[in-house]
Amino acid sequence: MLIQRDNMKKKLKIAPYEAVGVVSAQSIGEPGTQMTMRTFHYAGVAEHVPTGLPRLIEIVDAKKEPKKPLIDVYLKKEYAKSREKAEKVAEEISAVYLEDVAEVLDDLESYSIEIAFDKKEGEAQKVSFKDLKEKVEKALEKNAKIKAEGEKIKIKFDKKEKGVNAKYVRKQSQKLKQLLLKGVDGVYKAVVTKEGDEYFVRAGGYNIVGVISHPAVDPSRIYTNNIKEIERVFGIEAARNAILKEIKDVLDMQGLYVDIRHIMLVADAMTYSGAIQSIGRHGLSGSKVGVLGRAAFEETIKHLINAAAKGEEDKLIGVTENIIVGQTVPVGTGKVKLKFMPR
């Protein structure tokens, strides 16, 4: 048994100077050509989440935010077993903005804003008119006359006050529309989903810090498909694991098998500098050491002119540079040099 295990270890080892980068690129690139362009509809969440090639491009391009961000909120044991409790948490974290429950109209001529509270709206039933009025009063920067008439709030700004003009009124109107009345800012359409024998909340958007402040949420199991948000809150190691998970999930959903070590190499390459870098001309490929290596990828003339202006030297340490000049590539046996020693 021990001999068999030792043989397995030997088989798993990579030969010295193996071109692991090229092998990884090919191992992910070839199945990538068989990917579909479709989107996937998550049950309950009214979002068509990109999968396949569009999602893979989003990950390797290190996009600031995914096209359809999602957040999975796992709950503590006492809440995860009950659907009613989970639904209550979903309602509490789902953001309700002023524009969801009221109509905001501005009059630039009279420097006034009118807010008409609409009780028929589903979200409006969760917010009282008194709370709405208090939030509006706190949100206003300058002194303004606030008058409540039935289910309406009328705000009048003083024309004589410094900085008050039509532009300011419009700005305040837009700001009031995005006023958070309840829930977690940036989290919307929260629905309860069952996984195994426990319930959890899946919602659109992302705001890890806001969500984990809720007492029912298990902070150790929060997850979002927004890798940049994971990096910001939990650091680069967590972001590296998220890249690994997201790429693997995309490939698994498409029924494509790629050895995990190839994906790990991509995740490591994107995060080794301490920040997420894209794989492209603005990231890894554009920051290669060799001038010829950068020029061979994209923006050839730009790289050559910059290198000539700065008097850069190419040490020919990469694969591409050596192919261009017609030398043996410094990988595998090409890395080994034999020296003739006279007797």
C-alpha atoms as a PDB file:
ATOM      1  CA  MET A   1       0.000   0.000   0.000  1.00  0.00           C
ATOM      2  CA  LEU A   2       2.844   2.376   0.886  1.00  0.00           C
ATOM      3  CA  ILE A   3       4.640   1.580  -2.388  1.00  0.00           C
ATOM      4  CA  GLN A   4       1.425   2.355  -4.315  1.00  0.00           C
ATOM      5  CA  ARG A   5       1.053   5.686  -2.481  1.00  0.00           C
ATOM      6  CA  ASP A   6       4.678   6.624  -3.256  1.00  0.00           C
ATOM      7  CA  ASN A   7       4.108   5.815  -6.946  1.00  0.00           C
ATOM      8  CA  MET A   8       1.005   8.027  -6.923  1.00  0.00           C
ATOM      9  CA  LYS A   9       3.020  10.908  -5.434  1.00  0.00           C
ATOM     10  CA  LYS A  10       5.648  10.519  -8.163  1.00  0.00           C
ATOM     11  CA  LYS A  11       2.953  10.635 -10.859  1.00  0.00           C
ATOM     12  CA  LEU A  12       1.450  13.829  -9.382  1.00  0.00           C
ATOM     13  CA  LYS A  13       4.764  15.679  -9.489  1.00  0.00           C
ATOM     14  CA  ILE A  14       5.509  18.041 -12.380  1.00  0.00           C
ATOM     15  CA  ALA A  15       8.814  17.682 -14.217  1.00  0.00           C
ATOM     16  CA  PRO A  16      11.355  20.493 -13.617  1.00  0.00           C
ATOM     17  CA  TYR A  17      10.994  23.492 -15.978  1.00  0.00           C
ATOM     18  CA  GLU A  18       7.621  22.273 -17.272  1.00  0.00           C
ATOM     19  CA  ALA A  19       5.714  25.062 -19.081  1.00  0.00           C
ATOM     20  CA  VAL A  20       2.841  25.005 -16.571  1.00  0.00           C
ATOM     21  CA  GLY A  21       1.445  28.349 -17.728  1.00  0.00           C
ATOM     22  CA  VAL A  22       1.029  27.209 -21.341  1.00  0.00           C
ATOM     23  CA  VAL A  23      -0.452  23.862 -20.223  1.00  0.00           C
ATOM     24  CA  SER A  24      -2.948  25.664 -17.937  1.00  0.00           C
ATOM     25  CA  ALA A  25      -3.897  28.134 -20.662  1.00  0.00           C
ATOM     26  CA  GLN A  26      -4.537  25.300 -23.117  1.00  0.00           C
ATOM     27  CA  SER A  27      -6.390  23.186 -20.512  1.00  0.00           C
ATOM     28  CA  ILE A  28      -8.842  26.013 -19.780  1.00  0.00           C
ATOM     29  CA  GLY A  29      -8.892  27.530 -23.289  1.00  0.00           C
ATOM     30  CA  GLU A  30      -9.816  24.348 -25.168  1.00  0.00           C
ATOM     31  CA  PRO A  31     -12.952  23.501 -23.084  1.00  0.00           C
ATOM     32  CA  GLY A  32     -13.712  27.233 -23.138  1.00  0.00           C
ATOM     33  CA  THR A  33     -14.431  26.991 -26.888  1.00  0.00           C
ATOM     34  CA  GLN A  34     -17.286  24.585 -26.094  1.00  0.00           C
ATOM     35  CA  MET A  35     -18.995  26.921 -23.659  1.00  0.00           C
ATOM     36  CA  THR A  36     -22.445  28.307 -24.333  1.00  0.00           C
ATOM     37  CA  MET A  37     -23.407  31.975 -24.272  1.00  0.00           C
ATOM     38  CA  ARG A  38     -26.615  31.395 -22.303  1.00  0.00           C
ATOM     39  CA  THR A  39     -27.680  32.878 -18.995  1.00  0.00           C
ATOM     40  CA  PHE A  40     -28.949  30.895 -16.025  1.00  0.00           C
ATOM     41  CA  HIS A  41     -32.111  31.731 -14.109  1.00  0.00           C
ATOM     42  CA  TYR A  42     -31.735  31.277 -10.355  1.00  0.00           C
ATOM     43  CA  ALA A  43     -34.919  29.954  -8.759  1.00  0.00           C
ATOM     44  CA  GLY A  44     -36.781  32.671  -6.911  1.00  0.00           C
ATOM     45  CA  VAL A  45     -34.405  35.507  -7.731  1.00  0.00           C
ATOM     46  CA  ALA A  46     -35.720  37.575 -10.624  1.00  0.00           C
ATOM     47  CA  GLU A  47     -32.269  37.766 -12.174  1.00  0.00           C
ATOM     48  CA  HIS A  48     -30.813  36.080 -15.239  1.00  0.00           C
ATOM     49  CA  VAL A  49     -27.276  35.425 -14.040  1.00  0.00           C
ATOM     50  CA  PRO A  50     -24.608  35.063 -16.764  1.00  0.00           C
ATOM     51  CA  THR A  51     -22.927  31.658 -16.911  1.00  0.00           C
ATOM     52  CA  GLY A  52     -20.574  29.988 -19.373  1.00  0.00           C
ATOM     53  CA  LEU A  53     -18.323  32.198 -21.490  1.00  0.00           C
ATOM     54  CA  PRO A  54     -19.769  35.608 -20.445  1.00  0.00           C
ATOM     55  CA  ARG A  55     -19.196  34.779 -16.760  1.00  0.00           C
ATOM     56  CA  LEU A  56     -15.706  33.377 -17.385  1.00  0.00           C
ATOM     57  CA  ILE A  57     -14.762  36.592 -19.240  1.00  0.00           C
ATOM     58  CA  GLU A  58     -16.151  38.635 -16.311  1.00  0.00           C
ATOM     59  CA  ILE A  59     -13.910  36.727 -13.853  1.00  0.00           C
ATOM     60  CA  VAL A  60     -10.618  36.794 -15.812  1.00  0.00           C
ATOM     61  CA  ASP A  61     -11.144  40.442 -16.807  1.00  0.00           C
ATOM     62  CA  ALA A  62     -11.430  41.266 -13.055  1.00  0.00           C
ATOM     63  CA  LYS A  63     -14.556  43.372 -13.631  1.00  0.00           C
ATOM     64  CA  LYS A  64     -15.298  45.894 -10.894  1.00  0.00           C
ATOM     65  CA  GLU A  65     -18.762  44.404 -10.448  1.00  0.00           C
ATOM     66  CA  PRO A  66     -20.484  41.394 -12.062  1.00  0.00           C
ATOM     67  CA  LYS A  67     -23.347  42.124 -14.451  1.00  0.00           C
ATOM     68  CA  LYS A  68     -25.779  40.496 -12.032  1.00  0.00           C
ATOM     69  CA  PRO A  69     -24.325  40.459  -8.498  1.00  0.00           C
ATOM     70  CA  LEU A  70     -25.773  37.937  -6.037  1.00  0.00           C
ATOM     71  CA  ILE A  71     -25.290  37.398  -2.317  1.00  0.00           C
ATOM     72  CA  ASP A  72     -25.970  34.158  -0.412  1.00  0.00           C
ATOM     73  CA  VAL A  73     -26.820  34.810   3.221  1.00  0.00           C
ATOM     74  CA  TYR A  74     -26.577  31.752   5.478  1.00  0.00           C
ATOM     75  CA  LEU A  75     -28.286  31.934   8.840  1.00  0.00           C
ATOM     76  CA  LYS A  76     -27.439  30.806  12.359  1.00  0.00           C
ATOM     77  CA  LYS A  77     -28.798  27.362  13.382  1.00  0.00           C
ATOM     78  CA  GLU A  78     -31.837  28.677  15.279  1.00  0.00           C
ATOM     79  CA  TYR A  79     -33.018  30.616  12.186  1.00  0.00           C
ATOM     80  CA  ALA A  80     -31.917  28.203   9.412  1.00  0.00           C
ATOM     81  CA  LYS A  81     -34.385  25.439  10.391  1.00  0.00           C
ATOM     82  CA  SER A  82     -37.527  27.597  10.155  1.00  0.00           C
ATOM     83  CA  ARG A  83     -38.845  28.995   6.857  1.00  0.00           C
ATOM     84  CA  GLU A  84     -40.867  31.685   8.674  1.00  0.00           C
ATOM     85  CA  LYS A  85     -37.780  32.977  10.510  1.00  0.00           C
ATOM     86  CA  ALA A  86     -35.730  32.904   7.309  1.00  0.00           C
ATOM     87  CA  GLU A  87     -38.447  34.858   5.464  1.00  0.00           C
ATOM     88  CA  LYS A  88     -38.489  37.457   8.250  1.00  0.00           C
ATOM     89  CA  VAL A  89     -34.689  37.893   7.870  1.00  0.00           C
ATOM     90  CA  ALA A  90     -35.097  38.170   4.068  1.00  0.00           C
ATOM     91  CA  GLU A  91     -37.674  40.930   4.565  1.00  0.00           C
ATOM     92  CA  GLU A  92     -35.448  42.757   7.073  1.00  0.00           C
ATOM     93  CA  ILE A  93     -32.312  42.786   4.892  1.00  0.00           C
ATOM     94  CA  SER A  94     -34.086  43.627   1.603  1.00  0.00           C
ATOM     95  CA  ALA A  95     -33.603  47.347   0.938  1.00  0.00           C
ATOM     96  CA  VAL A  96     -36.597  49.661   0.552  1.00  0.00           C
ATOM     97  CA  TYR A  97     -35.871  53.066  -0.994  1.00  0.00           C
ATOM     98  CA  LEU A  98     -38.083  56.143  -1.049  1.00  0.00           C
ATOM     99  CA  GLU A  99     -38.767  55.797  -4.788  1.00  0.00           C
ATOM    100  CA  ASP A 100     -40.142  52.266  -4.105  1.00  0.00           C
ATOM    101  CA  VAL A 101     -42.922  53.583  -1.853  1.00  0.00           C
ATOM    102  CA  ALA A 102     -43.499  57.154  -2.978  1.00  0.00           C
ATOM    103  CA  GLU A 103     -43.523  59.435  -5.998  1.00  0.00           C
ATOM    104  CA  VAL A 104     -40.980  62.265  -5.818  1.00  0.00           C
ATOM    105  CA  LEU A 105     -41.729  65.345  -7.921  1.00  0.00           C
ATOM    106  CA  ASP A 106     -39.627  68.500  -8.018  1.00  0.00           C
ATOM    107  CA  ASP A 107     -40.745  71.979  -9.072  1.00  0.00           C
ATOM    108  CA  LEU A 108     -37.655  73.947 -10.146  1.00  0.00           C
ATOM    109  CA  GLU A 109     -39.609  77.169 -10.550  1.00  0.00           C
ATOM    110  CA  SER A 110     -40.903  77.340  -6.971  1.00  0.00           C
ATOM    111  CA  TYR A 111     -37.855  75.519  -5.488  1.00  0.00           C
ATOM    112  CA  SER A 112     -40.009  72.803  -3.954  1.00  0.00           C
ATOM    113  CA  ILE A 113     -40.270  69.008  -3.803  1.00  0.00           C
ATOM    114  CA  GLU A 114     -43.447  66.983  -3.296  1.00  0.00           C
ATOM    115  CA  ILE A 115     -43.382  63.384  -1.993  1.00  0.00           C
ATOM    116  CA  ALA A 116     -46.615  61.414  -2.476  1.00  0.00           C
ATOM    117  CA  PHE A 117     -46.720  58.271  -0.296  1.00  0.00           C
ATOM    118  CA  ASP A 118     -48.342  55.329  -2.111  1.00  0.00           C
ATOM    119  CA  LYS A 119     -49.858  52.795   0.288  1.00  0.00           C
ATOM    120  CA  LYS A 120     -50.980  50.482  -2.516  1.00  0.00           C
ATOM    121  CA  GLU A 121     -47.362  49.487  -3.233  1.00  0.00           C
ATOM    122  CA  GLY A 122     -46.245  46.191  -1.684  1.00  0.00           C
ATOM    123  CA  GLU A 123     -43.113  47.728  -0.170  1.00  0.00           C
ATOM    124  CA  ALA A 124     -45.077  50.654   1.306  1.00  0.00           C
ATOM    125  CA  GLN A 125     -46.902  48.348   3.702  1.00  0.00           C
ATOM    126  CA  LYS A 126     -43.565  47.723   5.465  1.00  0.00           C
ATOM    127  CA  VAL A 127     -42.875  51.461   6.026  1.00  0.00           C
ATOM    128  CA  SER A 128     -45.008  53.894   8.024  1.00  0.00           C
ATOM    129  CA  PHE A 129     -45.626  57.469   6.885  1.00  0.00           C
ATOM    130  CA  LYS A 130     -44.196  58.738  10.216  1.00  0.00           C
ATOM    131  CA  ASP A 131     -40.872  56.892   9.615  1.00  0.00           C
ATOM    132  CA  LEU A 132     -40.756  58.191   6.053  1.00  0.00           C
ATOM    133  CA  LYS A 133     -41.219  61.806   7.242  1.00  0.00           C
ATOM    134  CA  GLU A 134     -38.455  61.443   9.872  1.00  0.00           C
ATOM    135  CA  LYS A 135     -35.988  59.993   7.353  1.00  0.00           C
ATOM    136  CA  VAL A 136     -36.716  62.801   4.868  1.00  0.00           C
ATOM    137  CA  GLU A 137     -36.124  65.479   7.540  1.00  0.00           C
ATOM    138  CA  LYS A 138     -32.737  63.948   8.447  1.00  0.00           C
ATOM    139  CA  ALA A 139     -31.664  63.663   4.799  1.00  0.00           C
ATOM    140  CA  LEU A 140     -32.106  67.359   3.953  1.00  0.00           C
ATOM    141  CA  GLU A 141     -28.865  69.349   4.183  1.00  0.00           C
ATOM    142  CA  LYS A 142     -30.135  72.932   4.203  1.00  0.00           C
ATOM    143  CA  ASN A 143     -32.988  74.473   6.160  1.00  0.00           C
ATOM    144  CA  ALA A 144     -36.272  73.846   4.402  1.00  0.00           C
ATOM    145  CA  LYS A 145     -39.954  74.156   5.288  1.00  0.00           C
ATOM    146  CA  ILE A 146     -41.419  70.657   5.588  1.00  0.00           C
ATOM    147  CA  LYS A 147     -45.197  70.312   5.675  1.00  0.00           C
ATOM    148  CA  ALA A 148     -47.185  67.069   5.834  1.00  0.00           C
ATOM    149  CA  GLU A 149     -50.603  67.105   4.143  1.00  0.00           C
ATOM    150  CA  GLY A 150     -52.442  63.798   4.437  1.00  0.00           C
ATOM    151  CA  GLU A 151     -50.167  61.237   2.737  1.00  0.00           C
ATOM    152  CA  LYS A 152     -48.003  63.924   1.097  1.00  0.00           C
ATOM    153  CA  ILE A 153     -44.864  65.747   2.202  1.00  0.00           C
ATOM    154  CA  LYS A 154     -44.128  69.184   0.773  1.00  0.00           C
ATOM    155  CA  ILE A 155     -40.598  70.582   0.989  1.00  0.00           C
ATOM    156  CA  LYS A 156     -39.931  74.265   0.219  1.00  0.00           C
ATOM    157  CA  PHE A 157     -36.391  75.663  -0.024  1.00  0.00           C
ATOM    158  CA  ASP A 158     -35.504  79.283   0.725  1.00  0.00           C
ATOM    159  CA  LYS A 159     -34.356  81.050  -2.481  1.00  0.00           C
ATOM    160  CA  LYS A 160     -32.319  83.555  -0.450  1.00  0.00           C
ATOM    161  CA  GLU A 161     -30.167  80.883   1.190  1.00  0.00           C
ATOM    162  CA  LYS A 162     -26.655  80.547  -0.226  1.00  0.00           C
ATOM    163  CA  GLY A 163     -26.211  77.695  -2.711  1.00  0.00           C
ATOM    164  CA  VAL A 164     -29.935  77.138  -3.251  1.00  0.00           C
ATOM    165  CA  ASN A 165     -30.775  77.110  -6.963  1.00  0.00           C
ATOM    166  CA  ALA A 166     -32.604  74.924  -9.487  1.00  0.00           C
ATOM    167  CA  LYS A 167     -29.614  72.593  -9.804  1.00  0.00           C
ATOM    168  CA  TYR A 168     -29.499  72.101  -6.022  1.00  0.00           C
ATOM    169  CA  VAL A 169     -33.238  71.297  -5.881  1.00  0.00           C
ATOM    170  CA  ARG A 170     -32.885  68.683  -8.641  1.00  0.00           C
ATOM    171  CA  LYS A 171     -29.874  67.168  -6.842  1.00  0.00           C
ATOM    172  CA  GLN A 172     -31.855  66.927  -3.585  1.00  0.00           C
ATOM    173  CA  SER A 173     -34.775  65.353  -5.446  1.00  0.00           C
ATOM    174  CA  GLN A 174     -32.517  62.629  -6.915  1.00  0.00           C
ATOM    175  CA  LYS A 175     -30.903  62.086  -3.519  1.00  0.00           C
ATOM    176  CA  LEU A 176     -34.308  61.644  -1.835  1.00  0.00           C
ATOM    177  CA  LYS A 177     -35.337  59.013  -4.404  1.00  0.00           C
ATOM    178  CA  GLN A 178     -32.339  56.888  -3.320  1.00  0.00           C
ATOM    179  CA  LEU A 179     -33.025  57.447   0.403  1.00  0.00           C
ATOM    180  CA  LEU A 180     -32.837  54.113   2.270  1.00  0.00           C
ATOM    181  CA  LEU A 181     -35.908  53.631   4.457  1.00  0.00           C
ATOM    182  CA  LYS A 182     -35.243  50.106   5.722  1.00  0.00           C
ATOM    183  CA  GLY A 183     -33.074  47.051   5.044  1.00  0.00           C
ATOM    184  CA  VAL A 184     -29.453  46.820   3.885  1.00  0.00           C
ATOM    185  CA  ASP A 185     -28.266  49.267   1.231  1.00  0.00           C
ATOM    186  CA  GLY A 186     -27.473  47.513  -2.065  1.00  0.00           C
ATOM    187  CA  VAL A 187     -29.386  44.287  -1.294  1.00  0.00           C
ATOM    188  CA  TYR A 188     -32.687  43.689  -3.113  1.00  0.00           C
ATOM    189  CA  LYS A 189     -35.169  40.959  -4.130  1.00  0.00           C
ATOM    190  CA  ALA A 190     -34.229  38.684  -1.221  1.00  0.00           C
ATOM    191  CA  VAL A 191     -35.817  35.224  -1.404  1.00  0.00           C
ATOM    192  CA  VAL A 192     -35.629  32.162   0.832  1.00  0.00           C
ATOM    193  CA  THR A 193     -34.098  29.016  -0.688  1.00  0.00           C
ATOM    194  CA  LYS A 194     -33.658  25.542   0.791  1.00  0.00           C
ATOM    195  CA  GLU A 195     -30.355  23.693   0.630  1.00  0.00           C
ATOM    196  CA  GLY A 196     -30.268  20.251   2.254  1.00  0.00           C
ATOM    197  CA  ASP A 197     -32.122  20.579   5.541  1.00  0.00           C
ATOM    198  CA  GLU A 198     -31.560  24.314   6.067  1.00  0.00           C
ATOM    199  CA  TYR A 199     -32.991  27.546   4.678  1.00  0.00           C
ATOM    200  CA  PHE A 200     -30.849  30.449   3.498  1.00  0.00           C
ATOM    201  CA  VAL A 201     -31.473  33.797   1.827  1.00  0.00           C
ATOM    202  CA  ARG A 202     -30.370  34.542  -1.734  1.00  0.00           C
ATOM    203  CA  ALA A 203     -30.597  38.162  -2.841  1.00  0.00           C
ATOM    204  CA  GLY A 204     -29.591  40.427  -5.685  1.00  0.00           C
ATOM    205  CA  GLY A 205     -26.803  42.956  -5.110  1.00  0.00           C
ATOM    206  CA  TYR A 206     -24.018  42.826  -2.518  1.00  0.00           C
ATOM    207  CA  ASN A 207     -23.076  44.434   0.776  1.00  0.00           C
ATOM    208  CA  ILE A 208     -21.233  41.963   3.000  1.00  0.00           C
ATOM    209  CA  VAL A 209     -20.576  44.393   5.879  1.00  0.00           C
ATOM    210  CA  GLY A 210     -24.218  45.541   5.953  1.00  0.00           C
ATOM    211  CA  VAL A 211     -25.625  41.994   5.858  1.00  0.00           C
ATOM    212  CA  ILE A 212     -23.379  40.456   8.547  1.00  0.00           C
ATOM    213  CA  SER A 213     -24.441  43.178  10.992  1.00  0.00           C
ATOM    214  CA  HIS A 214     -27.858  41.441  11.179  1.00  0.00           C
ATOM    215  CA  PRO A 215     -27.976  39.274  14.358  1.00  0.00           C
ATOM    216  CA  ALA A 216     -29.493  36.233  12.559  1.00  0.00           C
ATOM    217  CA  VAL A 217     -26.776  36.025   9.891  1.00  0.00           C
ATOM    218  CA  ASP A 218     -23.872  33.576  10.180  1.00  0.00           C
ATOM    219  CA  PRO A 219     -20.859  35.796   9.273  1.00  0.00           C
ATOM    220  CA  SER A 220     -18.569  32.806   8.597  1.00  0.00           C
ATOM    221  CA  ARG A 221     -20.679  31.577   5.657  1.00  0.00           C
ATOM    222  CA  ILE A 222     -21.567  34.730   3.761  1.00  0.00           C
ATOM    223  CA  TYR A 223     -20.780  34.627   0.038  1.00  0.00           C
ATOM    224  CA  THR A 224     -21.157  36.871  -3.007  1.00  0.00           C
ATOM    225  CA  ASN A 225     -20.204  36.400  -6.655  1.00  0.00           C
ATOM    226  CA  ASN A 226     -18.630  39.878  -6.551  1.00  0.00           C
ATOM    227  CA  ILE A 227     -14.930  38.973  -6.182  1.00  0.00           C
ATOM    228  CA  LYS A 228     -13.831  42.613  -5.701  1.00  0.00           C
ATOM    229  CA  GLU A 229     -16.212  42.934  -2.722  1.00  0.00           C
ATOM    230  CA  ILE A 230     -14.722  39.760  -1.177  1.00  0.00           C
ATOM    231  CA  GLU A 231     -11.229  41.239  -1.662  1.00  0.00           C
ATOM    232  CA  ARG A 232     -12.280  44.536  -0.058  1.00  0.00           C
ATOM    233  CA  VAL A 233     -13.831  42.904   3.033  1.00  0.00           C
ATOM    234  CA  PHE A 234     -11.856  39.673   3.570  1.00  0.00           C
ATOM    235  CA  GLY A 235      -8.564  40.296   1.753  1.00  0.00           C
ATOM    236  CA  ILE A 236      -6.611  38.892  -1.183  1.00  0.00           C
ATOM    237  CA  GLU A 237      -6.435  35.247   0.015  1.00  0.00           C
ATOM    238  CA  ALA A 238     -10.237  35.073   0.201  1.00  0.00           C
ATOM    239  CA  ALA A 239     -10.441  36.706  -3.251  1.00  0.00           C
ATOM    240  CA  ARG A 240      -8.044  34.059  -4.623  1.00  0.00           C
ATOM    241  CA  ASN A 241     -10.324  31.306  -3.269  1.00  0.00           C
ATOM    242  CA  ALA A 242     -13.371  33.084  -4.743  1.00  0.00           C
ATOM    243  CA  ILE A 243     -11.746  33.219  -8.226  1.00  0.00           C
ATOM    244  CA  LEU A 244     -10.984  29.507  -7.922  1.00  0.00           C
ATOM    245  CA  LYS A 245     -14.559  28.678  -6.868  1.00  0.00           C
ATOM    246  CA  GLU A 246     -16.213  30.895  -9.504  1.00  0.00           C
ATOM    247  CA  ILE A 247     -14.157  29.498 -12.427  1.00  0.00           C
ATOM    248  CA  LYS A 248     -14.725  25.913 -11.215  1.00  0.00           C
ATOM    249  CA  ASP A 249     -18.484  26.535 -10.846  1.00  0.00           C
ATOM    250  CA  VAL A 250     -18.682  27.907 -14.416  1.00  0.00           C
ATOM    251  CA  LEU A 251     -16.868  24.878 -15.854  1.00  0.00           C
ATOM    252  CA  ASP A 252     -18.845  22.374 -13.745  1.00  0.00           C
ATOM    253  CA  MET A 253     -22.159  23.913 -14.801  1.00  0.00           C
ATOM    254  CA  GLN A 254     -21.137  23.439 -18.438  1.00  0.00           C
ATOM    255  CA  GLY A 255     -20.129  19.816 -17.760  1.00  0.00           C
ATOM    256  CA  LEU A 256     -16.459  20.476 -18.544  1.00  0.00           C
ATOM    257  CA  TYR A 257     -13.676  18.871 -16.529  1.00  0.00           C
ATOM    258  CA  VAL A 258     -10.480  20.844 -15.934  1.00  0.00           C
ATOM    259  CA  ASP A 259      -7.901  19.769 -13.350  1.00  0.00           C
ATOM    260  CA  ILE A 260      -8.177  22.035 -10.308  1.00  0.00           C
ATOM    261  CA  ARG A 261      -4.419  22.783 -10.397  1.00  0.00           C
ATOM    262  CA  HIS A 262      -4.743  24.623 -13.715  1.00  0.00           C
ATOM    263  CA  ILE A 263      -7.450  26.859 -12.244  1.00  0.00           C
ATOM    264  CA  MET A 264      -5.354  27.353  -9.083  1.00  0.00           C
ATOM    265  CA  LEU A 265      -2.472  28.623 -11.224  1.00  0.00           C
ATOM    266  CA  VAL A 266      -4.759  31.183 -12.908  1.00  0.00           C
ATOM    267  CA  ALA A 267      -6.103  32.324  -9.502  1.00  0.00           C
ATOM    268  CA  ASP A 268      -2.547  32.605  -8.135  1.00  0.00           C
ATOM    269  CA  ALA A 269      -1.339  34.561 -11.176  1.00  0.00           C
ATOM    270  CA  MET A 270      -4.245  37.017 -10.822  1.00  0.00           C
ATOM    271  CA  THR A 271      -3.631  37.646  -7.099  1.00  0.00           C
ATOM    272  CA  TYR A 272       0.105  37.145  -6.372  1.00  0.00           C
ATOM    273  CA  SER A 273       0.785  40.920  -6.463  1.00  0.00           C
ATOM    274  CA  GLY A 274      -1.556  41.552  -3.507  1.00  0.00           C
ATOM    275  CA  ALA A 275      -4.392  42.944  -5.618  1.00  0.00           C
ATOM    276  CA  ILE A 276      -6.615  41.340  -8.258  1.00  0.00           C
ATOM    277  CA  GLN A 277      -5.141  41.769 -11.741  1.00  0.00           C
ATOM    278  CA  SER A 278      -6.981  40.990 -14.949  1.00  0.00           C
ATOM    279  CA  ILE A 279      -5.540  38.690 -17.596  1.00  0.00           C
ATOM    280  CA  GLY A 280      -5.165  41.077 -20.493  1.00  0.00           C
ATOM    281  CA  ARG A 281      -3.340  44.124 -21.782  1.00  0.00           C
ATOM    282  CA  HIS A 282      -4.213  46.148 -18.661  1.00  0.00           C
ATOM    283  CA  GLY A 283      -3.186  43.323 -16.308  1.00  0.00           C
ATOM    284  CA  LEU A 284      -0.831  40.347 -16.483  1.00  0.00           C
ATOM    285  CA  SER A 285      -0.110  40.383 -20.239  1.00  0.00           C
ATOM    286  CA  GLY A 286       0.515  44.123 -20.224  1.00  0.00           C
ATOM    287  CA  SER A 287       2.946  43.920 -17.304  1.00  0.00           C
ATOM    288  CA  LYS A 288       5.327  41.255 -18.634  1.00  0.00           C
ATOM    289  CA  VAL A 289       9.013  41.899 -17.997  1.00  0.00           C
ATOM    290  CA  GLY A 290      10.089  41.503 -21.641  1.00  0.00           C
ATOM    291  CA  VAL A 291       9.344  44.232 -24.198  1.00  0.00           C
ATOM    292  CA  LEU A 292       8.861  41.727 -27.037  1.00  0.00           C
ATOM    293  CA  GLY A 293       6.524  39.650 -24.863  1.00  0.00           C
ATOM    294  CA  ARG A 294       4.285  42.692 -24.244  1.00  0.00           C
ATOM    295  CA  ALA A 295       4.447  43.775 -27.884  1.00  0.00           C
ATOM    296  CA  ALA A 296       3.481  40.295 -29.139  1.00  0.00           C
ATOM    297  CA  PHE A 297       0.186  40.382 -27.260  1.00  0.00           C
ATOM    298  CA  GLU A 298      -1.601  43.671 -28.054  1.00  0.00           C
ATOM    299  CA  GLU A 299      -0.776  47.337 -28.761  1.00  0.00           C
ATOM    300  CA  THR A 300       2.528  46.373 -30.456  1.00  0.00           C
ATOM    301  CA  ILE A 301       3.582  49.848 -31.648  1.00  0.00           C
ATOM    302  CA  LYS A 302       2.817  51.491 -28.286  1.00  0.00           C
ATOM    303  CA  HIS A 303       5.034  49.039 -26.374  1.00  0.00           C
ATOM    304  CA  LEU A 304       7.920  49.275 -28.855  1.00  0.00           C
ATOM    305  CA  ILE A 305       7.871  53.108 -28.940  1.00  0.00           C
ATOM    306  CA  ASN A 306       7.748  53.334 -25.116  1.00  0.00           C
ATOM    307  CA  ALA A 307      10.602  50.832 -24.787  1.00  0.00           C
ATOM    308  CA  ALA A 308      12.703  52.706 -27.376  1.00  0.00           C
ATOM    309  CA  ALA A 309      12.043  56.058 -25.655  1.00  0.00           C
ATOM    310  CA  LYS A 310      13.097  54.671 -22.255  1.00  0.00           C
ATOM    311  CA  GLY A 311      15.986  52.591 -23.611  1.00  0.00           C
ATOM    312  CA  GLU A 312      14.615  49.329 -22.190  1.00  0.00           C
ATOM    313  CA  GLU A 313      16.543  46.081 -22.463  1.00  0.00           C
ATOM    314  CA  ASP A 314      14.953  42.678 -23.130  1.00  0.00           C
ATOM    315  CA  LYS A 315      16.676  39.857 -21.253  1.00  0.00           C
ATOM    316  CA  LEU A 316      14.837  37.222 -23.342  1.00  0.00           C
ATOM    317  CA  ILE A 317      13.636  35.280 -20.304  1.00  0.00           C
ATOM    318  CA  GLY A 318      10.109  34.530 -21.556  1.00  0.00           C
ATOM    319  CA  VAL A 319       8.691  32.065 -24.074  1.00  0.00           C
ATOM    320  CA  THR A 320       7.380  34.568 -26.644  1.00  0.00           C
ATOM    321  CA  GLU A 321      10.575  36.638 -26.841  1.00  0.00           C
ATOM    322  CA  ASN A 322      12.716  33.596 -27.668  1.00  0.00           C
ATOM    323  CA  ILE A 323      10.320  32.402 -30.370  1.00  0.00           C
ATOM    324  CA  ILE A 324      10.497  35.868 -31.987  1.00  0.00           C
ATOM    325  CA  VAL A 325      14.319  35.885 -32.087  1.00  0.00           C
ATOM    326  CA  GLY A 326      14.517  32.211 -33.104  1.00  0.00           C
ATOM    327  CA  GLN A 327      16.150  30.843 -29.972  1.00  0.00           C
ATOM    328  CA  THR A 328      15.392  27.717 -27.952  1.00  0.00           C
ATOM    329  CA  VAL A 329      12.570  28.430 -25.543  1.00  0.00           C
ATOM    330  CA  PRO A 330      13.794  28.397 -21.890  1.00  0.00           C
ATOM    331  CA  VAL A 331      11.369  25.704 -20.677  1.00  0.00           C
ATOM    332  CA  GLY A 332      11.793  21.948 -20.246  1.00  0.00           C
ATOM    333  CA  THR A 333      15.006  20.690 -21.842  1.00  0.00           C
ATOM    334  CA  GLY A 334      15.601  24.163 -23.278  1.00  0.00           C
ATOM    335  CA  LYS A 335      16.370  25.365 -19.762  1.00  0.00           C
ATOM    336  CA  VAL A 336      19.226  22.883 -19.351  1.00  0.00           C
ATOM    337  CA  LYS A 337      22.623  24.035 -20.607  1.00  0.00           C
ATOM    338  CA  LEU A 338      25.536  21.683 -21.219  1.00  0.00           C
ATOM    339  CA  LYS A 339      29.026  22.983 -20.752  1.00  0.00           C
ATOM    340  CA  PHE A 340      32.003  21.346 -22.411  1.00  0.00           C
ATOM    341  CA  MET A 341      34.789  20.866 -19.901  1.00  0.00           C
ATOM    342  CA  PRO A 342      38.175  20.075 -21.531  1.00  0.00           C
ATOM    343  CA  ARG A 343      40.247  17.361 -19.845  1.00  0.00           C
END
